[in-house]
C-alpha cells in the first residue's frame, strides 16, 4: 500500500510540473492569477579589474524589477596612489587617463521559461569644453556572439539589445567590456544595468 501511495504522489507531482509548462492549447492546468511573475537569476558575477571601475560585489538585481541587474561601481580612491576608483577617465590629478573593465555573468531562466531578449543600458557624464579630448566604447558577448554596443566622446550613454527568441536558451553567458580614454577633459560611466525578457517554453521543447 505504501509503495502504491508513493507512486501515486510522484505521478501527481510530474503531472503538475508538466501542466505548469504547457499552454492553454494543451488542455493544461492554468497558472493562478496570483502566481508571481517569472524571474531570471544572475549567477557567477565577476569583473576583470578588482577594486576599480565595475564592482561585481555590489552588482545585484533591482528590488523593484528582479529581471534587471543593477551593475555596481567602485568608489573612493586607492590608499597608496590616491587615484580614484570610479569608472572615469580624466586628465585631472589623481585620475586614470584610461579606464577599462569587463563584467561577466550568466543569466538563468526559471523552469518552463527561456531568455528571449537581453538589454544593456549605461549612462554617464563627460566634459564638453571645446578643448576636451575624451572617447570610449563598449562591446559585449552574449551567448558566445560578440557585438558592438557603440563608441562615444563626452557622452557615454548608450543601449543595446540582443534578440535570442529563436534560440530558446535557458542559460545565457554575458560579458560586457567598457573602455574610456581622456587626454584632456573627462568621461565617466555612472550607471549601468542589464534587463532580461522571458517567454514560456513551447510544449514541444519541454522534456517529459
N, C-alpha and C. Protein backbone atom coordinates (compact mmCIF):
# COMPACT_ATOMS: atom_id res chain seq x y z
N UNK A 1 0.84 -1.20 0.00
CA UNK A 1 0.00 0.00 0.00
C UNK A 1 0.88 1.26 0.00
N UNK A 2 1.96 1.22 0.79
CA UNK A 2 2.84 2.39 0.87
C UNK A 2 3.45 2.70 -0.48
N UNK A 3 3.91 1.63 -1.18
CA UNK A 3 4.52 1.85 -2.50
C UNK A 3 3.49 2.39 -3.48
N UNK A 4 2.27 1.96 -3.37
CA UNK A 4 1.22 2.45 -4.27
C UNK A 4 0.99 3.94 -4.06
N UNK A 5 0.93 4.35 -2.78
CA UNK A 5 0.74 5.76 -2.48
C UNK A 5 1.91 6.60 -2.94
N UNK A 6 3.14 6.08 -2.74
CA UNK A 6 4.33 6.81 -3.16
C UNK A 6 4.34 7.00 -4.67
N UNK A 7 4.01 5.94 -5.41
CA UNK A 7 3.98 6.04 -6.86
C UNK A 7 2.94 7.03 -7.32
N UNK A 8 1.78 7.03 -6.65
CA UNK A 8 0.71 7.96 -6.99
C UNK A 8 1.15 9.41 -6.76
N UNK A 9 1.84 9.65 -5.62
CA UNK A 9 2.29 11.01 -5.29
C UNK A 9 3.30 11.50 -6.31
N UNK A 10 4.24 10.64 -6.72
CA UNK A 10 5.23 11.03 -7.72
C UNK A 10 4.55 11.33 -9.04
N UNK A 11 3.57 10.52 -9.39
CA UNK A 11 2.85 10.74 -10.64
C UNK A 11 2.12 12.07 -10.65
N UNK A 12 1.51 12.42 -9.52
CA UNK A 12 0.81 13.71 -9.42
C UNK A 12 1.79 14.86 -9.57
N UNK A 13 2.96 14.75 -8.92
CA UNK A 13 3.96 15.82 -8.98
C UNK A 13 4.45 16.02 -10.40
N UNK A 14 4.72 14.93 -11.13
CA UNK A 14 5.17 15.02 -12.51
C UNK A 14 4.10 15.64 -13.38
N UNK A 15 2.84 15.24 -13.14
CA UNK A 15 1.73 15.79 -13.91
C UNK A 15 1.60 17.30 -13.71
N UNK A 16 1.69 17.72 -12.44
CA UNK A 16 1.56 19.15 -12.15
C UNK A 16 2.69 19.94 -12.76
N UNK A 17 3.94 19.41 -12.71
CA UNK A 17 5.09 20.11 -13.29
C UNK A 17 4.92 20.23 -14.79
N UNK A 18 4.50 19.16 -15.42
CA UNK A 18 4.30 19.20 -16.87
C UNK A 18 3.18 20.15 -17.23
N UNK A 19 2.10 20.15 -16.42
CA UNK A 19 0.97 21.02 -16.71
C UNK A 19 1.36 22.48 -16.61
N UNK A 20 2.23 22.78 -15.63
CA UNK A 20 2.63 24.19 -15.44
C UNK A 20 3.42 24.70 -16.62
N UNK A 21 4.01 23.81 -17.42
CA UNK A 21 4.85 24.21 -18.53
C UNK A 21 4.14 24.16 -19.88
N UNK A 22 2.88 23.77 -19.91
CA UNK A 22 2.18 23.67 -21.17
C UNK A 22 1.18 24.80 -21.32
N UNK A 23 0.87 25.13 -22.52
CA UNK A 23 -0.01 26.26 -22.80
C UNK A 23 -1.47 25.87 -22.80
N UNK A 24 -2.37 26.83 -22.96
CA UNK A 24 -3.80 26.60 -22.92
C UNK A 24 -4.25 25.62 -23.99
N UNK A 25 -3.57 25.62 -25.16
CA UNK A 25 -3.96 24.73 -26.23
C UNK A 25 -3.69 23.27 -25.92
N UNK A 26 -2.93 23.00 -24.86
CA UNK A 26 -2.60 21.64 -24.49
C UNK A 26 -3.49 21.15 -23.36
N UNK A 27 -4.59 21.85 -23.08
CA UNK A 27 -5.52 21.48 -22.01
C UNK A 27 -4.79 21.39 -20.68
N UNK A 28 -3.90 22.36 -20.46
CA UNK A 28 -3.09 22.35 -19.25
C UNK A 28 -3.79 23.06 -18.12
N UNK A 29 -3.34 22.76 -16.91
CA UNK A 29 -3.79 23.49 -15.73
C UNK A 29 -3.28 24.92 -15.83
N UNK A 30 -4.12 25.92 -15.67
CA UNK A 30 -3.72 27.30 -15.81
C UNK A 30 -3.04 27.80 -14.54
N UNK A 31 -2.02 28.66 -14.72
CA UNK A 31 -1.34 29.26 -13.58
C UNK A 31 -2.28 30.28 -12.94
N UNK A 32 -2.50 30.22 -11.63
CA UNK A 32 -3.42 31.15 -10.99
C UNK A 32 -2.95 32.59 -11.14
N UNK A 33 -3.88 33.55 -11.20
CA UNK A 33 -3.50 34.96 -11.41
C UNK A 33 -2.55 35.49 -10.35
N UNK A 34 -2.62 34.95 -9.13
CA UNK A 34 -1.78 35.48 -8.07
C UNK A 34 -0.37 34.91 -8.09
N UNK A 35 -0.07 34.02 -9.04
CA UNK A 35 1.27 33.45 -9.12
C UNK A 35 2.29 34.54 -9.43
N UNK A 36 3.49 34.48 -8.81
CA UNK A 36 4.50 35.52 -9.05
C UNK A 36 5.00 35.49 -10.48
N UNK A 37 5.43 36.64 -10.98
CA UNK A 37 5.97 36.72 -12.33
C UNK A 37 7.29 35.94 -12.40
N UNK A 38 7.58 35.33 -13.54
CA UNK A 38 8.84 34.57 -13.66
C UNK A 38 10.04 35.49 -13.52
N UNK A 39 11.06 35.02 -12.82
CA UNK A 39 12.23 35.84 -12.54
C UNK A 39 13.50 35.08 -12.92
N UNK A 40 14.36 35.74 -13.68
CA UNK A 40 15.64 35.16 -14.05
C UNK A 40 16.64 35.31 -12.90
N UNK A 41 17.71 34.53 -12.95
CA UNK A 41 18.78 34.62 -11.97
C UNK A 41 20.07 35.06 -12.67
N UNK A 42 20.84 35.91 -11.98
CA UNK A 42 22.17 36.33 -12.45
C UNK A 42 23.19 35.65 -11.56
N UNK A 43 23.97 34.73 -12.12
CA UNK A 43 24.91 33.96 -11.30
C UNK A 43 26.34 34.15 -11.82
N UNK A 44 27.29 33.88 -10.92
CA UNK A 44 28.71 33.95 -11.29
C UNK A 44 29.17 35.33 -11.72
N UNK A 45 28.68 36.38 -11.04
CA UNK A 45 29.05 37.74 -11.42
C UNK A 45 30.51 38.01 -11.03
N UNK A 46 31.30 38.47 -11.99
CA UNK A 46 32.71 38.78 -11.71
C UNK A 46 33.15 39.93 -12.63
N UNK A 47 34.20 40.63 -12.21
CA UNK A 47 34.76 41.68 -13.08
C UNK A 47 36.26 41.53 -13.17
N UNK A 48 36.82 42.06 -14.26
CA UNK A 48 38.22 41.79 -14.59
C UNK A 48 39.21 42.63 -13.80
N UNK A 49 38.78 43.79 -13.28
CA UNK A 49 39.71 44.69 -12.58
C UNK A 49 39.20 44.90 -11.15
N UNK A 50 39.59 44.04 -10.23
CA UNK A 50 39.12 44.17 -8.84
C UNK A 50 39.49 45.54 -8.25
N UNK A 51 38.58 46.08 -7.47
CA UNK A 51 38.76 47.33 -6.72
C UNK A 51 38.69 48.59 -7.59
N UNK A 52 38.50 48.43 -8.90
CA UNK A 52 38.38 49.59 -9.77
C UNK A 52 37.25 49.40 -10.78
N UNK A 53 36.58 50.50 -11.12
CA UNK A 53 35.62 50.56 -12.22
C UNK A 53 34.35 49.75 -11.91
N UNK A 54 34.03 48.68 -12.67
CA UNK A 54 32.88 47.84 -12.33
C UNK A 54 33.13 47.16 -10.99
N UNK A 55 32.05 46.95 -10.23
CA UNK A 55 32.18 46.25 -8.95
C UNK A 55 31.19 45.09 -8.92
N UNK A 56 31.71 43.88 -9.11
CA UNK A 56 30.86 42.69 -9.12
C UNK A 56 30.19 42.47 -7.77
N UNK A 57 30.86 42.82 -6.69
CA UNK A 57 30.33 42.55 -5.35
C UNK A 57 29.07 43.33 -5.02
N UNK A 58 28.92 44.51 -5.60
CA UNK A 58 27.73 45.31 -5.33
C UNK A 58 26.72 45.26 -6.47
N UNK A 59 26.98 44.44 -7.47
CA UNK A 59 26.02 44.27 -8.56
C UNK A 59 24.94 43.29 -8.10
N UNK A 60 23.68 43.68 -8.25
CA UNK A 60 22.58 42.86 -7.73
C UNK A 60 21.29 43.18 -8.47
N UNK A 61 20.31 42.26 -8.43
CA UNK A 61 19.02 42.53 -9.07
C UNK A 61 18.34 43.75 -8.47
N UNK A 62 17.62 44.47 -9.30
CA UNK A 62 16.85 45.63 -8.86
C UNK A 62 15.67 45.15 -8.01
N UNK A 63 15.52 45.61 -6.76
CA UNK A 63 14.41 45.15 -5.92
C UNK A 63 13.04 45.39 -6.54
N UNK A 64 12.92 46.46 -7.34
CA UNK A 64 11.63 46.76 -7.97
C UNK A 64 11.43 46.02 -9.28
N UNK A 65 12.48 45.43 -9.82
CA UNK A 65 12.41 44.67 -11.06
C UNK A 65 13.49 43.60 -11.04
N UNK A 66 13.22 42.42 -10.46
CA UNK A 66 14.24 41.39 -10.30
C UNK A 66 14.83 40.88 -11.61
N UNK A 67 14.19 41.15 -12.74
CA UNK A 67 14.75 40.74 -14.02
C UNK A 67 15.78 41.74 -14.55
N UNK A 68 16.07 42.77 -13.77
CA UNK A 68 17.11 43.74 -14.13
C UNK A 68 18.27 43.64 -13.14
N UNK A 69 19.47 43.57 -13.68
CA UNK A 69 20.68 43.58 -12.85
C UNK A 69 21.24 44.98 -12.82
N UNK A 70 21.34 45.57 -11.64
CA UNK A 70 21.96 46.88 -11.47
C UNK A 70 23.45 46.66 -11.24
N UNK A 71 24.26 47.14 -12.14
CA UNK A 71 25.71 46.92 -12.06
C UNK A 71 26.32 47.95 -11.11
N UNK A 72 27.13 47.45 -10.18
CA UNK A 72 27.77 48.32 -9.20
C UNK A 72 29.06 48.92 -9.72
N UNK A 73 29.50 49.99 -9.04
CA UNK A 73 30.76 50.66 -9.39
C UNK A 73 31.59 50.87 -8.13
N UNK A 74 32.88 50.76 -8.30
CA UNK A 74 33.77 51.01 -7.17
C UNK A 74 33.78 52.51 -6.85
N UNK A 75 34.07 52.81 -5.58
CA UNK A 75 34.10 54.20 -5.12
C UNK A 75 35.38 54.44 -4.31
N UNK A 76 35.57 55.69 -3.92
CA UNK A 76 36.74 56.01 -3.11
C UNK A 76 37.99 56.10 -3.96
N UNK A 77 39.14 55.91 -3.31
CA UNK A 77 40.41 56.01 -4.01
C UNK A 77 41.40 55.00 -3.44
N UNK A 78 42.41 54.69 -4.22
CA UNK A 78 43.46 53.79 -3.79
C UNK A 78 44.24 54.44 -2.65
N UNK A 79 44.38 53.77 -1.49
CA UNK A 79 45.04 54.40 -0.35
C UNK A 79 46.53 54.66 -0.58
N UNK A 80 47.12 53.97 -1.54
CA UNK A 80 48.55 54.15 -1.81
C UNK A 80 48.81 55.25 -2.83
N UNK A 81 48.07 55.20 -3.93
CA UNK A 81 48.30 56.16 -5.01
C UNK A 81 47.35 57.36 -4.97
N UNK A 82 46.26 57.23 -4.21
CA UNK A 82 45.20 58.25 -4.12
C UNK A 82 44.42 58.42 -5.43
N UNK A 83 44.62 57.51 -6.38
CA UNK A 83 43.89 57.58 -7.65
C UNK A 83 42.46 57.08 -7.46
N UNK A 84 41.49 57.80 -8.00
CA UNK A 84 40.08 57.46 -7.84
C UNK A 84 39.76 56.11 -8.46
N UNK A 85 38.82 55.38 -7.83
CA UNK A 85 38.47 54.04 -8.28
C UNK A 85 37.18 54.00 -9.11
N UNK A 86 36.49 55.12 -9.27
CA UNK A 86 35.24 55.11 -10.03
C UNK A 86 35.55 54.90 -11.51
N UNK A 87 34.50 54.62 -12.30
CA UNK A 87 34.71 54.30 -13.72
C UNK A 87 34.79 55.61 -14.51
N UNK A 88 35.98 56.21 -14.47
CA UNK A 88 36.18 57.52 -15.06
C UNK A 88 37.58 57.62 -15.64
N UNK A 89 37.68 58.26 -16.80
CA UNK A 89 38.98 58.62 -17.38
C UNK A 89 39.05 60.14 -17.39
N UNK A 90 40.14 60.68 -16.87
CA UNK A 90 40.22 62.13 -16.73
C UNK A 90 41.67 62.59 -16.75
N UNK A 91 41.86 63.83 -17.22
CA UNK A 91 43.18 64.44 -17.21
C UNK A 91 43.48 65.12 -15.88
N UNK A 92 42.51 65.14 -14.98
CA UNK A 92 42.71 65.76 -13.68
C UNK A 92 43.67 64.93 -12.82
N UNK A 93 44.33 65.56 -11.85
CA UNK A 93 45.22 64.81 -10.96
C UNK A 93 44.46 63.69 -10.23
N UNK A 94 45.17 62.64 -9.87
CA UNK A 94 44.64 61.50 -9.14
C UNK A 94 43.48 60.82 -9.89
N UNK A 95 43.65 60.75 -11.21
CA UNK A 95 42.65 60.09 -12.05
C UNK A 95 43.35 59.19 -13.06
N UNK A 96 42.63 58.20 -13.53
CA UNK A 96 43.13 57.34 -14.61
C UNK A 96 42.94 58.06 -15.95
N UNK A 97 43.99 58.09 -16.75
CA UNK A 97 43.83 58.62 -18.11
C UNK A 97 43.07 57.63 -18.99
N UNK A 98 43.15 56.35 -18.66
CA UNK A 98 42.42 55.31 -19.37
C UNK A 98 41.80 54.37 -18.34
N UNK A 99 40.55 53.96 -18.59
CA UNK A 99 39.86 53.05 -17.68
C UNK A 99 39.13 52.00 -18.50
N UNK A 100 39.35 50.73 -18.18
CA UNK A 100 38.71 49.65 -18.93
C UNK A 100 38.41 48.50 -17.99
N UNK A 101 37.22 47.92 -18.12
CA UNK A 101 36.85 46.79 -17.28
C UNK A 101 35.84 45.92 -18.02
N UNK A 102 35.77 44.66 -17.61
CA UNK A 102 34.81 43.71 -18.15
C UNK A 102 34.04 43.09 -17.00
N UNK A 103 32.72 43.06 -17.11
CA UNK A 103 31.89 42.37 -16.13
C UNK A 103 31.21 41.20 -16.81
N UNK A 104 31.22 40.05 -16.16
CA UNK A 104 30.68 38.83 -16.74
C UNK A 104 29.73 38.15 -15.77
N UNK A 105 28.76 37.43 -16.31
CA UNK A 105 27.80 36.69 -15.50
C UNK A 105 27.02 35.76 -16.42
N UNK A 106 26.22 34.90 -15.82
CA UNK A 106 25.34 34.01 -16.58
C UNK A 106 23.90 34.26 -16.15
N UNK A 107 23.03 34.38 -17.13
CA UNK A 107 21.60 34.55 -16.86
C UNK A 107 20.93 33.19 -16.95
N UNK A 108 20.17 32.83 -15.93
CA UNK A 108 19.46 31.56 -15.91
C UNK A 108 17.96 31.81 -15.84
N UNK A 109 17.23 31.21 -16.76
CA UNK A 109 15.77 31.36 -16.77
C UNK A 109 15.14 30.41 -15.76
N UNK A 110 13.98 30.76 -15.22
CA UNK A 110 13.28 29.84 -14.32
C UNK A 110 12.71 28.67 -15.11
N UNK A 111 12.27 27.64 -14.40
CA UNK A 111 11.71 26.45 -15.04
C UNK A 111 10.56 26.84 -15.96
N UNK A 112 10.51 26.22 -17.14
CA UNK A 112 9.44 26.39 -18.12
C UNK A 112 9.54 27.68 -18.92
N UNK A 113 10.63 28.44 -18.76
CA UNK A 113 10.81 29.69 -19.50
C UNK A 113 12.16 29.70 -20.19
N UNK A 114 12.28 30.57 -21.22
CA UNK A 114 13.57 30.77 -21.86
C UNK A 114 13.84 32.28 -21.97
N UNK A 115 15.10 32.62 -22.22
CA UNK A 115 15.53 34.01 -22.29
C UNK A 115 15.32 34.51 -23.72
N UNK A 116 14.43 35.49 -23.88
CA UNK A 116 14.11 35.96 -25.23
C UNK A 116 14.92 37.18 -25.64
N UNK A 117 15.18 38.11 -24.71
CA UNK A 117 15.95 39.30 -25.03
C UNK A 117 16.83 39.71 -23.86
N UNK A 118 17.98 40.28 -24.18
CA UNK A 118 18.89 40.84 -23.18
C UNK A 118 19.23 42.28 -23.60
N UNK A 119 19.05 43.22 -22.70
CA UNK A 119 19.31 44.63 -22.99
C UNK A 119 20.31 45.21 -22.00
N UNK A 120 21.33 45.87 -22.51
CA UNK A 120 22.30 46.57 -21.67
C UNK A 120 22.12 48.07 -21.87
N UNK A 121 22.10 48.81 -20.76
CA UNK A 121 21.97 50.27 -20.82
C UNK A 121 22.99 50.90 -19.89
N UNK A 122 23.66 51.95 -20.36
CA UNK A 122 24.57 52.68 -19.49
C UNK A 122 24.37 54.19 -19.67
N UNK A 123 24.69 54.92 -18.62
CA UNK A 123 24.60 56.37 -18.65
C UNK A 123 25.85 56.95 -17.99
N UNK A 124 26.13 58.21 -18.28
CA UNK A 124 27.30 58.82 -17.68
C UNK A 124 27.39 60.30 -17.99
N UNK A 125 28.55 60.84 -17.73
CA UNK A 125 28.78 62.27 -17.92
C UNK A 125 30.16 62.47 -18.54
N UNK A 126 30.37 63.66 -19.09
CA UNK A 126 31.68 63.98 -19.66
C UNK A 126 31.85 65.48 -19.80
N UNK A 127 33.09 65.90 -19.91
CA UNK A 127 33.39 67.32 -20.10
C UNK A 127 33.06 67.73 -21.53
N UNK A 128 32.46 68.90 -21.68
CA UNK A 128 32.04 69.35 -23.01
C UNK A 128 32.77 70.62 -23.48
N UNK A 129 33.86 70.98 -22.79
CA UNK A 129 34.62 72.15 -23.23
C UNK A 129 35.21 71.92 -24.62
N UNK A 130 35.46 73.01 -25.34
CA UNK A 130 35.93 72.90 -26.72
C UNK A 130 37.25 72.16 -26.83
N UNK A 131 38.09 72.28 -25.80
CA UNK A 131 39.41 71.65 -25.87
C UNK A 131 39.44 70.23 -25.28
N UNK A 132 38.31 69.74 -24.80
CA UNK A 132 38.27 68.42 -24.19
C UNK A 132 38.46 67.33 -25.26
N UNK A 133 39.29 66.36 -24.93
CA UNK A 133 39.52 65.22 -25.83
C UNK A 133 39.33 63.95 -25.02
N UNK A 134 38.20 63.32 -25.20
CA UNK A 134 37.91 62.07 -24.49
C UNK A 134 37.13 61.15 -25.43
N UNK A 135 37.16 59.88 -25.14
CA UNK A 135 36.48 58.92 -26.01
C UNK A 135 36.28 57.62 -25.24
N UNK A 136 35.46 56.76 -25.82
CA UNK A 136 35.23 55.46 -25.20
C UNK A 136 34.43 54.56 -26.12
N UNK A 137 34.26 53.35 -25.68
CA UNK A 137 33.49 52.39 -26.46
C UNK A 137 33.07 51.23 -25.59
N UNK A 138 32.07 50.48 -26.05
CA UNK A 138 31.56 49.33 -25.31
C UNK A 138 31.25 48.21 -26.28
N UNK A 139 31.62 47.00 -25.89
CA UNK A 139 31.30 45.80 -26.65
C UNK A 139 30.76 44.75 -25.69
N UNK A 140 30.10 43.74 -26.22
CA UNK A 140 29.66 42.64 -25.36
C UNK A 140 29.62 41.34 -26.13
N UNK A 141 29.60 40.25 -25.37
CA UNK A 141 29.47 38.91 -25.93
C UNK A 141 28.28 38.27 -25.22
N UNK A 142 27.26 37.90 -25.99
CA UNK A 142 26.04 37.31 -25.44
C UNK A 142 25.83 35.95 -26.08
N UNK A 143 25.78 34.92 -25.26
CA UNK A 143 25.62 33.55 -25.75
C UNK A 143 26.70 33.20 -26.78
N UNK A 144 27.91 33.70 -26.55
CA UNK A 144 29.04 33.37 -27.41
C UNK A 144 29.16 34.21 -28.66
N UNK A 145 28.25 35.17 -28.86
CA UNK A 145 28.28 36.00 -30.06
C UNK A 145 28.68 37.43 -29.70
N UNK A 146 29.80 37.94 -30.25
CA UNK A 146 30.24 39.31 -29.92
C UNK A 146 29.41 40.36 -30.63
N UNK A 147 29.30 41.54 -30.00
CA UNK A 147 28.56 42.63 -30.60
C UNK A 147 29.11 43.97 -30.17
N UNK A 148 28.88 44.99 -30.99
CA UNK A 148 29.34 46.34 -30.70
C UNK A 148 28.20 47.13 -30.09
N UNK A 149 28.39 47.67 -28.90
CA UNK A 149 27.37 48.49 -28.26
C UNK A 149 27.46 49.96 -28.67
N UNK A 150 28.64 50.41 -29.04
CA UNK A 150 28.76 51.79 -29.51
C UNK A 150 30.06 52.44 -29.08
N UNK A 151 30.37 53.56 -29.73
CA UNK A 151 31.51 54.40 -29.36
C UNK A 151 30.98 55.79 -29.05
N UNK A 152 31.75 56.58 -28.30
CA UNK A 152 31.27 57.88 -27.86
C UNK A 152 32.46 58.78 -27.54
N UNK A 153 32.18 60.07 -27.32
CA UNK A 153 33.21 61.01 -26.92
C UNK A 153 32.94 61.49 -25.50
N UNK A 154 32.15 62.56 -25.34
CA UNK A 154 31.91 63.08 -23.99
C UNK A 154 30.64 62.53 -23.34
N UNK A 155 29.77 61.84 -24.10
CA UNK A 155 28.53 61.29 -23.54
C UNK A 155 28.52 59.78 -23.71
N UNK A 156 28.75 59.02 -22.62
CA UNK A 156 28.84 57.56 -22.72
C UNK A 156 27.49 56.84 -22.69
N UNK A 157 26.40 57.59 -22.72
CA UNK A 157 25.09 56.96 -22.64
C UNK A 157 24.80 56.14 -23.90
N UNK A 158 24.37 54.90 -23.71
CA UNK A 158 24.06 54.03 -24.84
C UNK A 158 23.20 52.86 -24.37
N UNK A 159 22.64 52.14 -25.34
CA UNK A 159 21.82 50.97 -25.03
C UNK A 159 21.87 50.00 -26.20
N UNK A 160 21.82 48.71 -25.90
CA UNK A 160 21.82 47.69 -26.95
C UNK A 160 21.01 46.49 -26.52
N UNK A 161 20.37 45.83 -27.48
CA UNK A 161 19.53 44.67 -27.20
C UNK A 161 19.88 43.52 -28.15
N UNK A 162 19.90 42.32 -27.60
CA UNK A 162 20.08 41.11 -28.40
C UNK A 162 18.80 40.29 -28.31
N UNK A 163 18.25 39.92 -29.46
CA UNK A 163 17.04 39.09 -29.53
C UNK A 163 17.46 37.62 -29.66
N UNK A 164 17.15 36.83 -28.64
CA UNK A 164 17.52 35.42 -28.61
C UNK A 164 16.32 34.50 -28.77
N UNK A 165 15.19 35.07 -29.17
CA UNK A 165 13.93 34.32 -29.17
C UNK A 165 14.01 33.02 -29.95
N UNK A 166 14.68 33.04 -31.08
CA UNK A 166 14.71 31.86 -31.94
C UNK A 166 15.55 30.72 -31.35
N UNK A 167 16.41 31.05 -30.38
CA UNK A 167 17.31 30.03 -29.82
C UNK A 167 16.70 29.28 -28.64
N UNK A 168 15.74 29.89 -27.96
CA UNK A 168 15.06 29.27 -26.80
C UNK A 168 16.07 28.81 -25.75
N UNK A 169 17.01 29.68 -25.41
CA UNK A 169 18.05 29.35 -24.43
C UNK A 169 17.54 29.56 -23.01
N UNK A 170 17.87 28.63 -22.13
CA UNK A 170 17.50 28.78 -20.72
C UNK A 170 18.68 29.25 -19.87
N UNK A 171 19.88 29.32 -20.46
CA UNK A 171 21.07 29.82 -19.78
C UNK A 171 21.91 30.59 -20.79
N UNK A 172 22.26 31.84 -20.44
CA UNK A 172 22.97 32.69 -21.39
C UNK A 172 24.15 33.38 -20.70
N UNK A 173 25.38 33.09 -21.11
CA UNK A 173 26.53 33.82 -20.57
C UNK A 173 26.64 35.19 -21.23
N UNK A 174 26.98 36.20 -20.42
CA UNK A 174 27.10 37.57 -20.91
C UNK A 174 28.41 38.17 -20.41
N UNK A 175 29.10 38.89 -21.28
CA UNK A 175 30.33 39.57 -20.91
C UNK A 175 30.30 40.96 -21.54
N UNK A 176 30.48 42.01 -20.72
CA UNK A 176 30.38 43.40 -21.18
C UNK A 176 31.70 44.11 -20.89
N UNK A 177 32.27 44.73 -21.92
CA UNK A 177 33.54 45.46 -21.77
C UNK A 177 33.34 46.93 -22.13
N UNK A 178 33.77 47.81 -21.26
CA UNK A 178 33.68 49.25 -21.48
C UNK A 178 35.08 49.86 -21.35
N UNK A 179 35.43 50.73 -22.28
CA UNK A 179 36.74 51.38 -22.27
C UNK A 179 36.57 52.90 -22.34
N UNK A 180 37.34 53.63 -21.55
CA UNK A 180 37.30 55.09 -21.52
C UNK A 180 38.73 55.63 -21.66
N UNK A 181 38.86 56.78 -22.37
CA UNK A 181 40.16 57.42 -22.55
C UNK A 181 39.99 58.93 -22.48
N UNK A 182 40.98 59.62 -21.93
CA UNK A 182 40.92 61.08 -21.88
C UNK A 182 42.34 61.64 -21.87
N UNK A 183 42.65 62.51 -22.85
CA UNK A 183 43.93 63.22 -22.84
C UNK A 183 43.74 64.61 -22.23
N UNK A 184 42.56 65.18 -22.47
CA UNK A 184 42.11 66.38 -21.75
C UNK A 184 40.63 66.18 -21.46
N UNK A 185 40.10 66.90 -20.49
CA UNK A 185 38.70 66.69 -20.14
C UNK A 185 38.50 65.40 -19.38
N UNK A 186 37.28 64.85 -19.42
CA UNK A 186 36.97 63.62 -18.70
C UNK A 186 35.71 62.98 -19.27
N UNK A 187 35.55 61.70 -19.01
CA UNK A 187 34.35 60.96 -19.36
C UNK A 187 34.17 59.86 -18.32
N UNK A 188 32.93 59.64 -17.87
CA UNK A 188 32.69 58.67 -16.80
C UNK A 188 31.37 57.95 -17.02
N UNK A 189 31.36 56.65 -16.71
CA UNK A 189 30.13 55.87 -16.67
C UNK A 189 29.65 55.84 -15.23
N UNK A 190 28.43 56.28 -15.00
CA UNK A 190 27.91 56.41 -13.64
C UNK A 190 26.77 55.46 -13.33
N UNK A 191 26.20 54.83 -14.37
CA UNK A 191 25.05 53.95 -14.16
C UNK A 191 25.02 52.91 -15.27
N UNK A 192 24.75 51.66 -14.92
CA UNK A 192 24.67 50.60 -15.92
C UNK A 192 23.75 49.50 -15.41
N UNK A 193 23.04 48.88 -16.33
CA UNK A 193 22.13 47.80 -15.93
C UNK A 193 21.89 46.86 -17.11
N UNK A 194 21.42 45.67 -16.77
CA UNK A 194 21.05 44.66 -17.76
C UNK A 194 19.63 44.21 -17.47
N UNK A 195 18.81 44.15 -18.51
CA UNK A 195 17.43 43.71 -18.33
C UNK A 195 17.17 42.47 -19.19
N UNK A 196 16.42 41.52 -18.62
CA UNK A 196 16.11 40.27 -19.30
C UNK A 196 14.62 40.16 -19.54
N UNK A 197 14.25 39.69 -20.73
CA UNK A 197 12.86 39.36 -21.02
C UNK A 197 12.74 37.85 -21.16
N UNK A 198 11.67 37.30 -20.60
CA UNK A 198 11.44 35.86 -20.59
C UNK A 198 10.17 35.52 -21.35
N UNK A 199 10.16 34.32 -21.95
CA UNK A 199 8.96 33.80 -22.60
C UNK A 199 8.78 32.34 -22.20
N UNK A 200 7.53 31.85 -22.18
CA UNK A 200 7.30 30.44 -21.83
C UNK A 200 7.86 29.52 -22.91
N UNK A 201 8.46 28.43 -22.47
CA UNK A 201 8.90 27.42 -23.40
C UNK A 201 7.70 26.75 -24.06
N UNK A 202 7.74 26.54 -25.38
CA UNK A 202 6.64 25.83 -26.04
C UNK A 202 6.60 24.38 -25.55
N UNK A 203 5.44 23.75 -25.53
CA UNK A 203 5.32 22.37 -25.01
C UNK A 203 6.24 21.39 -25.69
N UNK A 204 6.48 21.56 -27.01
CA UNK A 204 7.27 20.56 -27.73
C UNK A 204 8.75 20.62 -27.39
N UNK A 205 9.18 21.65 -26.63
CA UNK A 205 10.61 21.76 -26.28
C UNK A 205 10.88 21.38 -24.83
N UNK A 206 9.83 20.96 -24.10
CA UNK A 206 9.98 20.61 -22.69
C UNK A 206 10.14 19.10 -22.56
N UNK A 207 11.21 18.71 -21.88
CA UNK A 207 11.45 17.27 -21.69
C UNK A 207 10.36 16.66 -20.85
N UNK A 208 9.90 15.44 -21.19
CA UNK A 208 8.85 14.79 -20.41
C UNK A 208 9.35 14.40 -19.03
